[in-house]
Amino acid sequence: MELIHETEVVCPHCGETFPLQVDTSQREQTLIEDCSVCCRPIVLTIHCRPGEIESVSERAG
C-alpha cells in the first residue's frame, strides 16, 4: 500500500493552489507549510486513513 499521497492545497493568503505530499500513516496531523507562490505560512490540519486522505483544512498561519 502506498502511504504517500499528493493533494492540492489552496493558500488562504493569495488563493493559489499548489501540490503537497502527505504521509497518510498518521491519522491526524497539523503542519505549517509555506505557500509555494507567496511564501506566507499556512496551518494545515489533515485527517487520513492509511493510504487515503480524508480531509485537509487550511488557515492563515
PDB file of N, CA and C in Angstrom:
ATOM      1  N   MET A   1       0.850  -1.171   0.000  1.00  0.00           N
ATOM      2  CA  MET A   1       0.000   0.000   0.000  1.00  0.00           C
ATOM      3  C   MET A   1       0.900   1.240   0.000  1.00  0.00           C
ATOM      4  N   GLU A   2       0.577   2.181  -0.856  1.00  0.00           N
ATOM      5  CA  GLU A   2       1.309   3.438  -0.949  1.00  0.00           C
ATOM      6  C   GLU A   2       0.791   4.391   0.132  1.00  0.00           C
ATOM      7  N   LEU A   3       1.679   4.851   1.034  1.00  0.00           N
ATOM      8  CA  LEU A   3       1.259   5.717   2.131  1.00  0.00           C
ATOM      9  C   LEU A   3       1.432   7.202   1.830  1.00  0.00           C
ATOM     10  N   ILE A   4       2.253   7.545   0.862  1.00  0.00           N
ATOM     11  CA  ILE A   4       2.457   8.945   0.497  1.00  0.00           C
ATOM     12  C   ILE A   4       1.507   9.286  -0.648  1.00  0.00           C
ATOM     13  N   HIS A   5       0.662  10.298  -0.425  1.00  0.00           N
ATOM     14  CA  HIS A   5      -0.288  10.736  -1.444  1.00  0.00           C
ATOM     15  C   HIS A   5      -0.162  12.231  -1.645  1.00  0.00           C
ATOM     16  N   GLU A   6      -0.488  12.675  -2.844  1.00  0.00           N
ATOM     17  CA  GLU A   6      -0.438  14.094  -3.158  1.00  0.00           C
ATOM     18  C   GLU A   6      -1.845  14.681  -3.131  1.00  0.00           C
ATOM     19  N   THR A   7      -1.959  15.882  -2.595  1.00  0.00           N
ATOM     20  CA  THR A   7      -3.221  16.603  -2.578  1.00  0.00           C
ATOM     21  C   THR A   7      -2.960  18.042  -3.000  1.00  0.00           C
ATOM     22  N   GLU A   8      -4.010  18.748  -3.326  1.00  0.00           N
ATOM     23  CA  GLU A   8      -3.903  20.167  -3.699  1.00  0.00           C
ATOM     24  C   GLU A   8      -4.286  21.019  -2.500  1.00  0.00           C
ATOM     25  N   VAL A   9      -3.493  22.037  -2.224  1.00  0.00           N
ATOM     26  CA  VAL A   9      -3.731  22.958  -1.125  1.00  0.00           C
ATOM     27  C   VAL A   9      -4.016  24.334  -1.712  1.00  0.00           C
ATOM     28  N   VAL A  10      -5.029  25.025  -1.170  1.00  0.00           N
ATOM     29  CA  VAL A  10      -5.354  26.377  -1.604  1.00  0.00           C
ATOM     30  C   VAL A  10      -4.848  27.341  -0.535  1.00  0.00           C
ATOM     31  N   CYS A  11      -4.004  28.264  -0.927  1.00  0.00           N
ATOM     32  CA  CYS A  11      -3.438  29.232   0.004  1.00  0.00           C
ATOM     33  C   CYS A  11      -4.524  30.218   0.451  1.00  0.00           C
ATOM     34  N   PRO A  12      -4.721  30.382   1.781  1.00  0.00           N
ATOM     35  CA  PRO A  12      -5.727  31.332   2.265  1.00  0.00           C
ATOM     36  C   PRO A  12      -5.287  32.795   2.098  1.00  0.00           C
ATOM     37  N   HIS A  13      -4.021  33.007   1.797  1.00  0.00           N
ATOM     38  CA  HIS A  13      -3.495  34.366   1.616  1.00  0.00           C
ATOM     39  C   HIS A  13      -3.679  34.861   0.185  1.00  0.00           C
ATOM     40  N   CYS A  14      -3.181  34.076  -0.792  1.00  0.00           N
ATOM     41  CA  CYS A  14      -3.176  34.537  -2.180  1.00  0.00           C
ATOM     42  C   CYS A  14      -4.167  33.794  -3.077  1.00  0.00           C
ATOM     43  N   GLY A  15      -4.742  32.680  -2.590  1.00  0.00           N
ATOM     44  CA  GLY A  15      -5.736  31.938  -3.363  1.00  0.00           C
ATOM     45  C   GLY A  15      -5.169  30.967  -4.381  1.00  0.00           C
ATOM     46  N   GLU A  16      -3.848  30.893  -4.488  1.00  0.00           N
ATOM     47  CA  GLU A  16      -3.235  29.968  -5.446  1.00  0.00           C
ATOM     48  C   GLU A  16      -3.276  28.542  -4.907  1.00  0.00           C
ATOM     49  N   THR A  17      -3.288  27.583  -5.823  1.00  0.00           N
ATOM     50  CA  THR A  17      -3.291  26.163  -5.492  1.00  0.00           C
ATOM     51  C   THR A  17      -1.920  25.579  -5.786  1.00  0.00           C
ATOM     52  N   PHE A  18      -1.446  24.718  -4.878  1.00  0.00           N
ATOM     53  CA  PHE A  18      -0.166  24.040  -5.101  1.00  0.00           C
ATOM     54  C   PHE A  18      -0.240  22.623  -4.536  1.00  0.00           C
ATOM     55  N   PRO A  19       0.582  21.707  -5.067  1.00  0.00           N
ATOM     56  CA  PRO A  19       0.543  20.314  -4.609  1.00  0.00           C
ATOM     57  C   PRO A  19       1.305  20.128  -3.298  1.00  0.00           C
ATOM     58  N   LEU A  20       0.860  19.154  -2.502  1.00  0.00           N
ATOM     59  CA  LEU A  20       1.514  18.821  -1.240  1.00  0.00           C
ATOM     60  C   LEU A  20       1.525  17.307  -1.081  1.00  0.00           C
ATOM     61  N   GLN A  21       2.666  16.755  -0.736  1.00  0.00           N
ATOM     62  CA  GLN A  21       2.803  15.327  -0.455  1.00  0.00           C
ATOM     63  C   GLN A  21       2.448  15.088   1.009  1.00  0.00           C
ATOM     64  N   VAL A  22       1.569  14.115   1.275  1.00  0.00           N
ATOM     65  CA  VAL A  22       1.108  13.824   2.635  1.00  0.00           C
ATOM     66  C   VAL A  22       1.407  12.368   2.968  1.00  0.00           C
ATOM     67  N   ASP A  23       1.991  12.141   4.144  1.00  0.00           N
ATOM     68  CA  ASP A  23       2.203  10.794   4.660  1.00  0.00           C
ATOM     69  C   ASP A  23       0.921  10.372   5.380  1.00  0.00           C
ATOM     70  N   THR A  24       0.203   9.413   4.828  1.00  0.00           N
ATOM     71  CA  THR A  24      -1.100   9.012   5.370  1.00  0.00           C
ATOM     72  C   THR A  24      -1.001   7.969   6.487  1.00  0.00           C
ATOM     73  N   SER A  25       0.207   7.693   6.972  1.00  0.00           N
ATOM     74  CA  SER A  25       0.336   6.704   8.046  1.00  0.00           C
ATOM     75  C   SER A  25      -0.113   7.255   9.395  1.00  0.00           C
ATOM     76  N   GLN A  26      -0.250   8.586   9.514  1.00  0.00           N
ATOM     77  CA  GLN A  26      -0.752   9.203  10.740  1.00  0.00           C
ATOM     78  C   GLN A  26      -2.209   9.617  10.536  1.00  0.00           C
ATOM     79  N   ARG A  27      -3.065   9.326  11.500  1.00  0.00           N
ATOM     80  CA  ARG A  27      -4.497   9.602  11.353  1.00  0.00           C
ATOM     81  C   ARG A  27      -4.815  11.086  11.321  1.00  0.00           C
ATOM     82  N   GLU A  28      -4.174  11.865  12.191  1.00  0.00           N
ATOM     83  CA  GLU A  28      -4.410  13.304  12.221  1.00  0.00           C
ATOM     84  C   GLU A  28      -3.070  14.000  12.372  1.00  0.00           C
ATOM     85  N   GLN A  29      -2.877  15.060  11.598  1.00  0.00           N
ATOM     86  CA  GLN A  29      -1.638  15.815  11.688  1.00  0.00           C
ATOM     87  C   GLN A  29      -1.890  17.292  11.426  1.00  0.00           C
ATOM     88  N   THR A  30      -1.106  18.104  12.092  1.00  0.00           N
ATOM     89  CA  THR A  30      -1.155  19.542  11.881  1.00  0.00           C
ATOM     90  C   THR A  30       0.233  19.972  11.418  1.00  0.00           C
ATOM     91  N   LEU A  31       0.280  20.636  10.271  1.00  0.00           N
ATOM     92  CA  LEU A  31       1.545  21.064   9.677  1.00  0.00           C
ATOM     93  C   LEU A  31       1.506  22.554   9.403  1.00  0.00           C
ATOM     94  N   ILE A  32       2.663  23.174   9.372  1.00  0.00           N
ATOM     95  CA  ILE A  32       2.784  24.539   8.892  1.00  0.00           C
ATOM     96  C   ILE A  32       3.638  24.482   7.633  1.00  0.00           C
ATOM     97  N   GLU A  33       3.047  24.873   6.523  1.00  0.00           N
ATOM     98  CA  GLU A  33       3.717  24.884   5.224  1.00  0.00           C
ATOM     99  C   GLU A  33       3.705  26.298   4.691  1.00  0.00           C
ATOM    100  N   ASP A  34       4.782  26.689   4.035  1.00  0.00           N
ATOM    101  CA  ASP A  34       4.798  27.979   3.354  1.00  0.00           C
ATOM    102  C   ASP A  34       4.208  27.815   1.964  1.00  0.00           C
ATOM    103  N   CYS A  35       3.386  28.761   1.552  1.00  0.00           N
ATOM    104  CA  CYS A  35       2.820  28.748   0.207  1.00  0.00           C
ATOM    105  C   CYS A  35       3.961  28.795  -0.803  1.00  0.00           C
ATOM    106  N   SER A  36       3.893  27.962  -1.817  1.00  0.00           N
ATOM    107  CA  SER A  36       4.950  27.930  -2.830  1.00  0.00           C
ATOM    108  C   SER A  36       4.863  29.122  -3.772  1.00  0.00           C
ATOM    109  N   VAL A  37       3.793  29.920  -3.681  1.00  0.00           N
ATOM    110  CA  VAL A  37       3.626  31.094  -4.538  1.00  0.00           C
ATOM    111  C   VAL A  37       3.978  32.377  -3.774  1.00  0.00           C
ATOM    112  N   CYS A  38       3.295  32.640  -2.647  1.00  0.00           N
ATOM    113  CA  CYS A  38       3.506  33.898  -1.914  1.00  0.00           C
ATOM    114  C   CYS A  38       4.414  33.741  -0.689  1.00  0.00           C
ATOM    115  N   CYS A  39       4.786  32.519  -0.346  1.00  0.00           N
ATOM    116  CA  CYS A  39       5.719  32.202   0.752  1.00  0.00           C
ATOM    117  C   CYS A  39       5.192  32.505   2.151  1.00  0.00           C
ATOM    118  N   ARG A  40       3.907  32.777   2.305  1.00  0.00           N
ATOM    119  CA  ARG A  40       3.341  33.031   3.632  1.00  0.00           C
ATOM    120  C   ARG A  40       2.946  31.702   4.277  1.00  0.00           C
ATOM    121  N   PRO A  41       2.969  31.612   5.618  1.00  0.00           N
ATOM    122  CA  PRO A  41       2.685  30.340   6.294  1.00  0.00           C
ATOM    123  C   PRO A  41       1.203  29.968   6.269  1.00  0.00           C
ATOM    124  N   ILE A  42       0.963  28.663   6.122  1.00  0.00           N
ATOM    125  CA  ILE A  42      -0.379  28.094   6.122  1.00  0.00           C
ATOM    126  C   ILE A  42      -0.404  26.976   7.162  1.00  0.00           C
ATOM    127  N   VAL A  43      -1.406  26.986   8.038  1.00  0.00           N
ATOM    128  CA  VAL A  43      -1.591  25.908   9.013  1.00  0.00           C
ATOM    129  C   VAL A  43      -2.543  24.902   8.378  1.00  0.00           C
ATOM    130  N   LEU A  44      -2.085  23.677   8.243  1.00  0.00           N
ATOM    131  CA  LEU A  44      -2.872  22.606   7.628  1.00  0.00           C
ATOM    132  C   LEU A  44      -3.252  21.582   8.691  1.00  0.00           C
ATOM    133  N   THR A  45      -4.517  21.213   8.733  1.00  0.00           N
ATOM    134  CA  THR A  45      -4.980  20.109   9.570  1.00  0.00           C
ATOM    135  C   THR A  45      -5.436  19.019   8.615  1.00  0.00           C
ATOM    136  N   ILE A  46      -4.811  17.852   8.729  1.00  0.00           N
ATOM    137  CA  ILE A  46      -5.048  16.766   7.776  1.00  0.00           C
ATOM    138  C   ILE A  46      -5.521  15.532   8.525  1.00  0.00           C
ATOM    139  N   HIS A  47      -6.615  14.932   8.053  1.00  0.00           N
ATOM    140  CA  HIS A  47      -7.134  13.679   8.601  1.00  0.00           C
ATOM    141  C   HIS A  47      -6.961  12.607   7.530  1.00  0.00           C
ATOM    142  N   CYS A  48      -6.419  11.462   7.947  1.00  0.00           N
ATOM    143  CA  CYS A  48      -6.096  10.387   6.989  1.00  0.00           C
ATOM    144  C   CYS A  48      -6.500   9.023   7.529  1.00  0.00           C
ATOM    145  N   ARG A  49      -6.583   8.104   6.600  1.00  0.00           N
ATOM    146  CA  ARG A  49      -6.567   6.668   6.859  1.00  0.00           C
ATOM    147  C   ARG A  49      -5.343   6.167   6.104  1.00  0.00           C
ATOM    148  N   PRO A  50      -4.747   5.063   6.496  1.00  0.00           N
ATOM    149  CA  PRO A  50      -3.590   4.578   5.748  1.00  0.00           C
ATOM    150  C   PRO A  50      -3.918   4.443   4.253  1.00  0.00           C
ATOM    151  N   GLY A  51      -3.179   5.202   3.450  1.00  0.00           N
ATOM    152  CA  GLY A  51      -3.366   5.159   2.011  1.00  0.00           C
ATOM    153  C   GLY A  51      -4.421   6.102   1.469  1.00  0.00           C
ATOM    154  N   GLU A  52      -5.072   6.915   2.340  1.00  0.00           N
ATOM    155  CA  GLU A  52      -6.164   7.790   1.886  1.00  0.00           C
ATOM    156  C   GLU A  52      -6.206   9.083   2.706  1.00  0.00           C
ATOM    157  N   ILE A  53      -6.368  10.201   2.021  1.00  0.00           N
ATOM    158  CA  ILE A  53      -6.544  11.487   2.684  1.00  0.00           C
ATOM    159  C   ILE A  53      -8.039  11.730   2.808  1.00  0.00           C
ATOM    160  N   GLU A  54      -8.537  11.882   4.031  1.00  0.00           N
ATOM    161  CA  GLU A  54      -9.966  12.101   4.250  1.00  0.00           C
ATOM    162  C   GLU A  54     -10.337  13.568   4.139  1.00  0.00           C
ATOM    163  N   SER A  55      -9.529  14.469   4.743  1.00  0.00           N
ATOM    164  CA  SER A  55      -9.831  15.898   4.659  1.00  0.00           C
ATOM    165  C   SER A  55      -8.580  16.717   4.921  1.00  0.00           C
ATOM    166  N   VAL A  56      -8.576  17.901   4.334  1.00  0.00           N
ATOM    167  CA  VAL A  56      -7.499  18.874   4.547  1.00  0.00           C
ATOM    168  C   VAL A  56      -8.170  20.229   4.768  1.00  0.00           C
ATOM    169  N   SER A  57      -7.802  20.912   5.848  1.00  0.00           N
ATOM    170  CA  SER A  57      -8.299  22.264   6.053  1.00  0.00           C
ATOM    171  C   SER A  57      -7.099  23.200   6.164  1.00  0.00           C
ATOM    172  N   GLU A  58      -7.242  24.380   5.540  1.00  0.00           N
ATOM    173  CA  GLU A  58      -6.183  25.366   5.504  1.00  0.00           C
ATOM    174  C   GLU A  58      -6.627  26.618   6.236  1.00  0.00           C
ATOM    175  N   ARG A  59      -5.700  27.244   6.955  1.00  0.00           N
ATOM    176  CA  ARG A  59      -5.974  28.561   7.537  1.00  0.00           C
ATOM    177  C   ARG A  59      -4.670  29.346   7.564  1.00  0.00           C
ATOM    178  N   ALA A  60      -4.788  30.648   7.584  1.00  0.00           N
ATOM    179  CA  ALA A  60      -3.610  31.504   7.609  1.00  0.00           C
ATOM    180  C   ALA A  60      -2.816  31.266   8.880  1.00  0.00           C
ATOM    181  N   GLY A  61      -1.504  31.240   8.731  1.00  0.00           N
ATOM    182  CA  GLY A  61      -0.631  30.979   9.883  1.00  0.00           C
ATOM    183  C   GLY A  61      -0.035  32.226  10.447  1.00  0.00           C
TER     184      GLY A  61
END
